[in-house]
Protein backbone atom coordinates (compact mmCIF):
# COMPACT_ATOMS: atom_id res chain seq x y z
CA MET A 1 -37.94 40.29 -147.29
CA GLN A 2 -36.49 39.80 -143.84
CA GLN A 3 -36.09 36.60 -141.83
CA VAL A 4 -34.80 36.23 -138.29
CA ILE A 5 -33.76 32.77 -137.14
CA ILE A 6 -33.64 32.68 -133.34
CA HIS A 7 -32.49 30.23 -130.66
CA ILE A 8 -30.20 28.36 -133.06
CA LYS A 9 -28.65 25.52 -131.06
CA GLU A 10 -25.32 26.12 -132.84
CA LEU A 11 -24.54 28.46 -135.72
CA LEU A 12 -21.69 26.64 -137.45
CA GLN A 13 -18.80 27.74 -139.66
CA VAL A 14 -18.90 31.42 -138.67
CA ARG A 15 -15.69 33.02 -139.86
CA PRO A 16 -14.44 35.64 -142.28
CA SER A 17 -14.17 34.45 -145.86
CA PRO A 18 -10.80 32.66 -145.73
CA SER A 19 -7.81 33.68 -147.82
CA GLU A 20 -6.54 30.10 -148.04
CA PRO A 21 -8.02 26.63 -147.62
CA ILE A 22 -8.00 24.92 -144.24
CA SER A 23 -5.48 22.14 -143.61
CA GLY A 24 -3.74 20.16 -140.90
CA LYS A 25 -4.74 20.78 -137.29
CA ALA A 26 -6.95 23.74 -138.29
CA LEU A 27 -9.34 21.27 -139.95
CA LYS A 28 -10.34 19.99 -136.52
CA THR A 29 -12.09 23.26 -135.57
CA ILE A 30 -15.48 24.58 -136.64
CA PRO A 31 -16.06 28.14 -135.34
CA LYS A 32 -19.56 28.33 -133.84
CA ILE A 33 -21.97 30.43 -131.82
CA GLU A 34 -24.23 28.65 -129.35
CA ASP A 35 -27.83 29.78 -128.75
CA ALA A 36 -27.48 32.09 -131.72
CA TYR A 37 -29.59 34.28 -133.96
CA LEU A 38 -29.12 35.10 -137.64
CA VAL A 39 -30.80 37.76 -139.75
CA LEU A 40 -31.43 37.52 -143.50
CA LYS A 41 -32.43 40.55 -145.53
CA ASP A 42 -33.05 40.20 -149.26
CA ASN A 43 -31.41 36.77 -149.15
CA THR A 44 -28.24 38.13 -147.56
CA VAL A 45 -26.85 37.54 -144.06
CA VAL A 46 -26.82 40.97 -142.42
CA ASP A 47 -26.40 40.11 -138.75
CA PHE A 48 -25.80 37.22 -136.36
CA GLY A 49 -24.65 36.64 -132.81
CA THR A 50 -25.65 35.18 -129.47
CA MET A 51 -29.24 35.48 -128.24
CA LEU A 52 -27.91 37.46 -125.26
CA ASP A 53 -27.19 40.28 -127.72
CA PHE A 54 -30.39 39.96 -129.75
CA HIS A 55 -32.82 42.90 -129.71
CA SER A 56 -36.15 41.83 -131.18
CA ASN A 57 -37.37 45.38 -131.81
CA THR A 58 -34.51 45.92 -134.27
CA TRP A 59 -36.30 43.67 -136.79
CA PRO A 60 -40.01 44.27 -136.11
CA ASN A 61 -41.26 43.26 -139.57
CA ALA A 62 -39.12 40.17 -140.07
CA GLU A 63 -40.46 36.64 -140.34
CA ARG A 64 -39.45 34.70 -137.23
CA ILE A 65 -38.14 31.15 -137.37
CA ASP A 66 -37.58 29.43 -134.03
CA ALA A 67 -34.64 27.06 -134.49
CA SER A 68 -34.64 25.62 -130.98
CA GLY A 69 -32.80 22.29 -131.02
CA ARG A 70 -31.58 22.81 -134.59
CA PHE A 71 -28.26 23.76 -136.16
CA VAL A 72 -27.62 26.25 -138.98
CA LEU A 73 -24.63 25.81 -141.29
CA PRO A 74 -23.61 27.01 -144.76
CA ALA A 75 -24.90 24.78 -147.53
CA PHE A 76 -22.48 22.19 -148.87
CA CYS A 77 -20.37 22.87 -151.97
CA ASP A 78 -20.29 19.80 -154.25
CA SER A 79 -17.15 20.33 -156.32
CA HIS A 80 -17.17 17.12 -158.39
CA THR A 81 -20.31 15.78 -160.09
CA HIS A 82 -21.50 14.40 -163.42
CA ALA A 83 -25.09 15.44 -162.73
CA VAL A 84 -26.14 15.98 -166.37
CA PHE A 85 -26.72 12.53 -167.85
CA ALA A 86 -29.41 10.81 -169.88
CA ALA A 87 -30.25 7.81 -167.69
CA TYR A 88 -29.16 5.79 -164.71
CA ARG A 89 -27.28 2.53 -165.30
CA GLU A 90 -28.91 0.22 -162.78
CA HIS A 91 -28.52 -2.76 -165.13
CA GLU A 92 -24.77 -2.53 -164.52
CA PHE A 93 -25.51 -2.87 -160.82
CA ARG A 94 -26.33 -6.53 -161.46
CA ASP A 95 -23.06 -7.00 -163.33
CA ARG A 96 -21.19 -5.47 -160.43
CA ILE A 97 -22.90 -7.75 -157.91
CA GLN A 98 -21.84 -10.72 -160.04
CA GLY A 99 -18.23 -9.66 -159.79
CA LEU A 100 -17.48 -7.63 -162.90
CA SER A 101 -15.07 -4.74 -162.37
CA TYR A 102 -15.51 -1.16 -163.57
CA GLN A 103 -13.09 -1.83 -166.43
CA GLU A 104 -14.79 -5.14 -167.37
CA ILE A 105 -18.20 -3.45 -167.55
CA ALA A 106 -16.69 -0.76 -169.79
CA ASN A 107 -15.08 -3.40 -172.03
CA LYS A 108 -18.46 -5.07 -172.67
CA GLY A 109 -20.05 -1.81 -173.83
CA GLY A 110 -21.19 -0.41 -170.52
CA GLY A 111 -19.85 2.48 -168.52
CA ILE A 112 -19.15 5.90 -170.00
CA LEU A 113 -19.65 4.76 -173.61
CA ASN A 114 -23.14 3.51 -172.69
CA SER A 115 -24.01 6.91 -171.22
CA ALA A 116 -22.71 8.60 -174.38
CA LEU A 117 -25.04 6.57 -176.59
CA LYS A 118 -28.02 7.61 -174.47
CA ILE A 119 -27.02 11.28 -174.56
CA ASN A 120 -26.92 11.10 -178.35
CA ASP A 121 -30.53 9.87 -178.43
CA MET A 122 -31.81 12.63 -176.15
CA SER A 123 -32.75 16.16 -177.15
CA GLU A 124 -31.28 19.16 -175.38
CA GLU A 125 -34.74 19.99 -173.98
CA GLU A 126 -35.23 16.47 -172.60
CA LEU A 127 -31.78 16.47 -171.07
CA LEU A 128 -32.42 19.84 -169.43
CA GLU A 129 -35.73 18.73 -167.96
CA SER A 130 -34.35 15.56 -166.37
CA SER A 131 -31.19 17.30 -165.15
CA LEU A 132 -33.09 20.17 -163.55
CA GLU A 133 -35.12 17.66 -161.57
CA ARG A 134 -31.93 16.08 -160.22
CA VAL A 135 -30.35 19.44 -159.39
CA GLY A 136 -33.50 20.40 -157.49
CA ALA A 137 -33.26 17.22 -155.44
CA MET A 138 -29.60 17.95 -154.73
CA GLN A 139 -30.49 21.39 -153.40
CA GLN A 140 -33.12 19.94 -151.09
CA SER A 141 -30.46 17.59 -149.72
CA GLY A 142 -28.20 20.45 -148.64
CA THR A 143 -26.16 21.31 -151.75
CA GLY A 144 -25.73 25.04 -152.16
CA ALA A 145 -23.09 25.17 -154.91
CA LEU A 146 -22.47 22.65 -157.64
CA GLU A 147 -19.87 21.69 -160.24
CA ILE A 148 -21.13 19.69 -163.24
CA LYS A 149 -18.93 18.00 -165.84
CA SER A 150 -19.53 17.07 -169.44
CA GLY A 151 -17.92 13.85 -170.63
CA TYR A 152 -20.91 11.74 -171.63
CA GLY A 153 -20.99 13.19 -175.14
CA LEU A 154 -17.62 12.11 -176.56
CA ASP A 155 -18.23 13.98 -179.81
CA LEU A 156 -18.38 17.72 -180.34
CA LYS A 157 -22.14 17.90 -180.91
CA ASN A 158 -23.03 16.07 -177.72
CA GLU A 159 -20.32 17.58 -175.54
CA LEU A 160 -21.63 21.01 -176.51
CA LYS A 161 -25.17 19.79 -175.82
CA ILE A 162 -24.22 18.91 -172.25
CA LEU A 163 -22.35 22.18 -171.69
CA ARG A 164 -25.27 24.20 -173.05
CA VAL A 165 -27.64 22.35 -170.72
CA ILE A 166 -25.36 23.24 -167.80
CA GLN A 167 -25.49 26.89 -168.90
CA GLN A 168 -29.28 26.76 -168.91
CA ILE A 169 -29.29 25.20 -165.45
CA LYS A 170 -27.12 28.11 -164.27
CA SER A 171 -29.82 30.55 -165.40
CA LYS A 172 -32.67 28.62 -163.76
CA VAL A 173 -31.41 27.87 -160.24
CA GLU A 174 -30.44 30.10 -157.32
CA ILE A 175 -27.12 28.45 -156.50
CA PRO A 176 -23.71 28.82 -158.19
CA ILE A 177 -23.13 26.24 -160.92
CA LYS A 178 -19.63 25.66 -162.28
CA SER A 179 -19.20 23.94 -165.63
CA THR A 180 -16.36 21.56 -166.49
CA PHE A 181 -15.39 20.34 -169.97
CA LEU A 182 -14.44 16.64 -169.70
CA ALA A 183 -14.33 15.29 -173.23
CA ALA A 184 -11.15 13.43 -172.16
CA HIS A 185 -13.30 11.08 -170.08
CA ALA A 186 -13.19 7.98 -172.28
CA ILE A 187 -12.06 7.08 -175.78
CA PRO A 188 -14.96 6.79 -178.29
CA SER A 189 -15.28 3.56 -180.25
CA GLU A 190 -14.30 5.22 -183.52
CA TYR A 191 -10.99 6.30 -181.95
CA LYS A 192 -10.36 3.02 -180.14
CA ASN A 193 -7.09 2.42 -181.98
CA ASN A 194 -6.13 6.07 -182.42
CA LYS A 195 -6.39 7.84 -179.10
CA ASP A 196 -3.94 10.55 -180.16
CA ALA A 197 -6.26 11.62 -182.98
CA TYR A 198 -9.11 11.98 -180.46
CA VAL A 199 -7.00 14.14 -178.14
CA ASP A 200 -5.91 16.25 -181.12
CA ALA A 201 -9.57 16.84 -182.00
CA ILE A 202 -10.28 17.90 -178.43
CA VAL A 203 -7.43 20.37 -178.19
CA LYS A 204 -7.43 21.74 -181.75
CA GLU A 205 -11.17 21.87 -182.51
CA TRP A 206 -13.36 21.31 -179.46
CA ILE A 207 -11.66 23.42 -176.79
CA PRO A 208 -11.48 26.49 -179.08
CA GLU A 209 -15.24 26.17 -179.64
CA VAL A 210 -15.93 25.80 -175.91
CA ILE A 211 -13.82 28.89 -175.25
CA ARG A 212 -15.51 30.83 -178.06
CA GLU A 213 -18.97 30.13 -176.60
CA ASN A 214 -17.73 30.61 -173.00
CA LEU A 215 -19.28 27.30 -171.97
CA ALA A 216 -16.89 26.04 -169.27
CA ASP A 217 -15.13 27.26 -166.15
CA PHE A 218 -12.78 24.27 -166.00
CA ALA A 219 -11.28 21.57 -168.19
CA ASP A 220 -10.74 18.07 -166.82
CA ILE A 221 -9.10 14.81 -167.93
CA PHE A 222 -9.24 11.21 -166.69
CA VAL A 223 -5.61 10.12 -166.40
CA GLU A 224 -5.73 6.34 -166.14
CA SER A 225 -4.44 3.18 -167.79
CA GLY A 226 -6.46 2.55 -170.94
CA TYR A 227 -7.76 6.12 -170.98
CA PHE A 228 -5.46 9.17 -171.03
CA ASP A 229 -1.88 9.86 -169.98
CA ILE A 230 0.46 12.62 -168.84
CA LYS A 231 1.15 13.72 -172.42
CA ASP A 232 -2.59 14.19 -172.96
CA LEU A 233 -2.86 16.13 -169.69
CA GLU A 234 -0.17 18.52 -170.91
CA LYS A 235 -2.00 19.00 -174.22
CA ILE A 236 -5.28 19.82 -172.45
CA HIS A 237 -3.49 22.29 -170.20
CA ASP A 238 -1.75 24.00 -173.11
CA ALA A 239 -5.02 24.30 -175.02
CA ILE A 240 -6.71 26.22 -172.18
CA SER A 241 -3.66 28.14 -170.95
CA HIS A 242 -4.61 31.40 -172.66
CA SER A 243 -8.26 31.26 -171.59
CA ALA A 244 -10.13 31.80 -168.31
CA MET A 245 -10.61 28.04 -167.94
CA LYS A 246 -8.72 26.35 -165.12
CA LEU A 247 -7.49 22.79 -164.91
CA LYS A 248 -8.96 19.90 -162.90
CA VAL A 249 -7.66 16.33 -163.07
CA HIS A 250 -9.09 12.87 -162.34
CA ALA A 251 -6.02 11.17 -160.86
CA ASN A 252 -4.88 7.99 -159.07
CA GLN A 253 -8.22 6.16 -159.10
CA PHE A 254 -6.89 2.75 -160.19
CA ASN A 255 -3.20 3.36 -160.86
CA VAL A 256 -0.47 5.85 -159.94
CA LEU A 257 0.79 7.29 -163.24
CA GLY A 258 2.40 10.57 -162.18
CA ALA A 259 -0.73 12.65 -162.74
CA VAL A 260 -0.67 14.31 -159.31
CA PRO A 261 2.83 15.85 -159.51
CA LYS A 262 2.18 16.93 -163.09
CA ALA A 263 -1.20 18.47 -162.20
CA CYS A 264 0.38 20.36 -159.30
CA ALA A 265 3.17 21.62 -161.56
CA LEU A 266 0.52 22.84 -164.00
CA LYS A 267 -1.30 24.61 -161.13
CA ALA A 268 -4.50 22.58 -161.34
CA ILE A 269 -7.21 23.90 -159.03
CA SER A 270 -7.85 20.35 -157.82
CA VAL A 271 -6.87 16.71 -158.28
CA ASP A 272 -9.78 14.38 -157.65
CA HIS A 273 -10.11 10.72 -156.55
CA LEU A 274 -6.63 9.88 -155.12
CA GLU A 275 -7.62 6.41 -153.96
CA LEU A 276 -3.98 5.37 -154.46
CA MET A 277 -1.15 7.64 -153.34
CA GLU A 278 2.64 7.44 -153.24
CA LYS A 279 5.18 9.67 -151.54
CA PRO A 280 5.82 11.91 -154.60
CA ASP A 281 2.08 12.65 -154.73
CA PHE A 282 2.04 13.86 -151.12
CA GLU A 283 5.20 15.88 -151.68
CA ALA A 284 3.80 17.56 -154.79
CA LEU A 285 0.50 18.46 -153.13
CA SER A 286 2.19 19.80 -150.00
CA ASP A 287 4.25 22.21 -152.14
CA SER A 288 1.29 23.42 -154.22
CA ASN A 289 -2.01 25.29 -153.99
CA THR A 290 -3.91 22.36 -155.51
CA ILE A 291 -6.85 20.97 -153.52
CA ALA A 292 -7.04 17.21 -152.95
CA THR A 293 -10.69 16.31 -153.60
CA LEU A 294 -11.77 12.94 -152.20
CA LEU A 295 -14.76 10.94 -153.44
CA PRO A 296 -15.64 8.29 -150.84
CA ALA A 297 -18.99 7.29 -152.37
CA CYS A 298 -17.16 6.04 -155.46
CA SER A 299 -14.93 3.87 -153.27
CA PHE A 300 -18.01 2.62 -151.42
CA TYR A 301 -19.86 1.70 -154.62
CA LEU A 302 -16.94 0.22 -156.55
CA LYS A 303 -15.36 -1.43 -153.48
CA LEU A 304 -12.13 0.47 -154.05
CA PRO A 305 -9.64 1.60 -151.42
CA TYR A 306 -10.58 4.89 -149.80
CA ALA A 307 -8.31 7.87 -150.34
CA PRO A 308 -5.77 8.26 -147.49
CA ALA A 309 -7.44 11.26 -145.90
CA ARG A 310 -5.59 10.96 -142.59
CA GLN A 311 -2.21 10.97 -144.31
CA LEU A 312 -3.20 13.97 -146.40
CA CYS A 313 -4.13 15.81 -143.20
CA ASP A 314 -0.84 14.78 -141.60
CA TRP A 315 0.98 16.24 -144.61
CA ASP A 316 -0.92 19.52 -144.02
CA ILE A 317 -2.60 19.19 -147.42
CA PRO A 318 -6.05 20.82 -147.78
CA ILE A 319 -8.74 18.28 -148.63
CA ALA A 320 -12.22 18.67 -150.05
CA LEU A 321 -15.03 16.11 -150.20
CA ALA A 322 -17.50 15.72 -153.07
CA SER A 323 -20.20 13.30 -154.17
CA ASP A 324 -18.92 12.30 -157.65
CA PHE A 325 -22.65 11.92 -158.40
CA ASN A 326 -22.94 9.95 -161.65
CA PRO A 327 -24.93 7.00 -163.00
CA GLY A 328 -22.07 4.51 -163.15
CA SER A 329 -19.84 4.67 -160.09
CA SER A 330 -21.51 6.96 -157.54
CA PRO A 331 -25.30 7.19 -157.96
CA THR A 332 -25.80 9.39 -154.89
CA TYR A 333 -25.87 13.13 -154.28
CA ASN A 334 -26.46 12.94 -150.51
CA LEU A 335 -23.57 14.91 -149.03
CA PHE A 336 -24.66 13.98 -145.52
CA PHE A 337 -23.85 10.41 -146.57
CA ILE A 338 -20.47 11.59 -147.89
CA TRP A 339 -19.90 13.20 -144.48
CA SER A 340 -20.61 9.82 -142.84
CA LEU A 341 -18.33 7.88 -145.19
CA ALA A 342 -15.50 10.34 -144.58
CA CYS A 343 -15.76 9.75 -140.84
CA ILE A 344 -16.48 6.00 -140.85
CA GLN A 345 -14.19 4.88 -143.66
CA MET A 346 -11.53 7.61 -143.80
CA ASN A 347 -11.25 8.31 -140.05
CA LEU A 348 -11.86 12.03 -140.38
CA THR A 349 -13.46 13.77 -137.43
CA PRO A 350 -16.91 15.30 -138.00
CA GLU A 351 -15.31 18.73 -137.93
CA GLU A 352 -12.59 17.86 -140.46
CA ALA A 353 -15.14 16.42 -142.84
CA LEU A 354 -17.44 19.44 -142.53
CA ASN A 355 -14.58 21.80 -143.36
CA ALA A 356 -13.86 19.62 -146.40
CA LEU A 357 -17.51 19.85 -147.52
CA THR A 358 -17.79 23.62 -147.09
CA ILE A 359 -14.76 25.94 -147.05
CA ASN A 360 -12.30 23.70 -148.87
CA ALA A 361 -14.89 22.54 -151.39
CA ALA A 362 -15.58 26.21 -152.11
CA PHE A 363 -11.86 26.65 -152.87
CA ALA A 364 -12.02 23.65 -155.20
CA MET A 365 -14.71 25.53 -157.15
CA GLY A 366 -13.13 28.98 -156.96
CA ILE A 367 -16.06 30.44 -154.98
CA GLN A 368 -14.38 30.83 -151.58
CA ASP A 369 -15.11 34.57 -151.47
CA THR A 370 -18.86 34.02 -151.43
CA HIS A 371 -19.48 30.49 -150.14
CA GLY A 372 -18.20 27.96 -147.63
CA SER A 373 -18.54 29.97 -144.40
CA ILE A 374 -21.06 32.29 -142.78
CA PHE A 375 -20.19 35.98 -142.66
CA LYS A 376 -22.02 39.30 -143.03
CA GLY A 377 -22.80 39.64 -146.71
CA TYR A 378 -23.01 35.89 -147.31
CA LYS A 379 -25.61 35.21 -150.02
CA GLY A 380 -25.46 31.45 -150.19
CA LYS A 381 -27.99 28.92 -149.04
CA LEU A 382 -28.14 27.86 -145.39
CA ILE A 383 -29.07 24.49 -143.96
CA LEU A 384 -31.51 24.49 -141.04
CA THR A 385 -31.10 20.97 -139.73
CA THR A 386 -33.49 18.55 -138.16
CA MET A 387 -33.21 18.43 -134.37
CA ALA A 388 -29.96 16.90 -133.20
CA PRO A 389 -28.05 16.59 -129.93
CA SER A 390 -24.62 17.51 -131.36
CA LEU A 391 -22.62 18.13 -134.52
CA ALA A 392 -21.37 14.54 -134.51
CA TYR A 393 -24.93 13.26 -134.84
CA PHE A 394 -25.09 14.26 -138.51
CA PRO A 395 -22.37 11.88 -139.79
CA TYR A 396 -23.30 9.35 -137.08
CA GLY A 397 -26.86 9.09 -138.44
CA PHE A 398 -25.68 7.84 -141.83
CA GLY A 399 -27.89 7.67 -144.90
CA ILE A 400 -30.28 10.29 -143.52
CA ASN A 401 -31.11 13.65 -145.05
CA HIS A 402 -30.74 15.92 -142.02
CA VAL A 403 -32.15 19.00 -143.81
CA TYR A 404 -35.22 20.43 -142.10
CA GLN A 405 -35.34 23.51 -144.32
CA MET A 406 -33.10 25.27 -146.83
CA LEU A 407 -32.93 28.99 -146.06
CA ASN A 408 -32.12 32.00 -148.27
């Protein structure tokens, strides 16, 4: 099958597949072609350029799509989600309105432990069906690559259930899915007074089983007061060090505990959240290859400080943006909304935020060779936008799904 998209207002993010993530002043630029064409053959980009160089008789049998007034860009890469879960937690929304904090809701039996109970009551087939529906909606909203974490199981049976569902999703959708093992997400009730025993179970029993079944691309840990610490982070790292799994870390959401320097020293692929940052965190990131992944929808929903994106850019640290889609602290998967929040609340330019949602997010997933920018041979999804006057209109028009059609 051949498709030719003609008269594209602007073809965005056209560059060779990058060898390193974009940072500093380079984030401010999006390479583009105005009044462009693009040719897809067998779901692969085979040609593009300006309409002045387009020869219609070269592709006589191709389907024509007139994109006049519309933009084309590579689909977003969502590098941090918890998209496989049993149910939303809208009842906690009322608690939050009435002033309860994230930690207070967790202490009264809500939060992650609540999600774990619901996962336990759901069959693998039911969980797959509901999760596939969500992933389909995410794709229609512009997501073309997706990371999904476990962490709502909190025992071996249910953690494996979630990971196996993610594997089935991988086989049923046409976008890359990366799987992350996050059993170190919360401490189960039965281990409430013996967290070390829970971590020992994860590293000595659970991780070997995940590796044996090849169920995860990454391992993750929530380093936070009342949850897990630097010692636990080191144990998780050591347990995966001889496997293909790479390290991700939830860090600096509510407290600064030294997780960022330690994660950088352990060569984590990304550190995520970073709502609170101190000078040693900036220094560690600037001397590493670790991506700083920012989650502004979580700050929006929980009324937390936003990660210091401008300072990270000033330190020449590559940043990515992700949805953190989950039922408790970020019940949205709309990456156009994330784009808006990054501009409005973090003072990123539209171009900086788009680079963080595409190229750098691809690096945070390890798929930079195939996704994140448009080049000949690109096989990822493409966003054909609704009509818009300029690139800045997309984050300016917040809360709107600007996808007219997903291509490829």
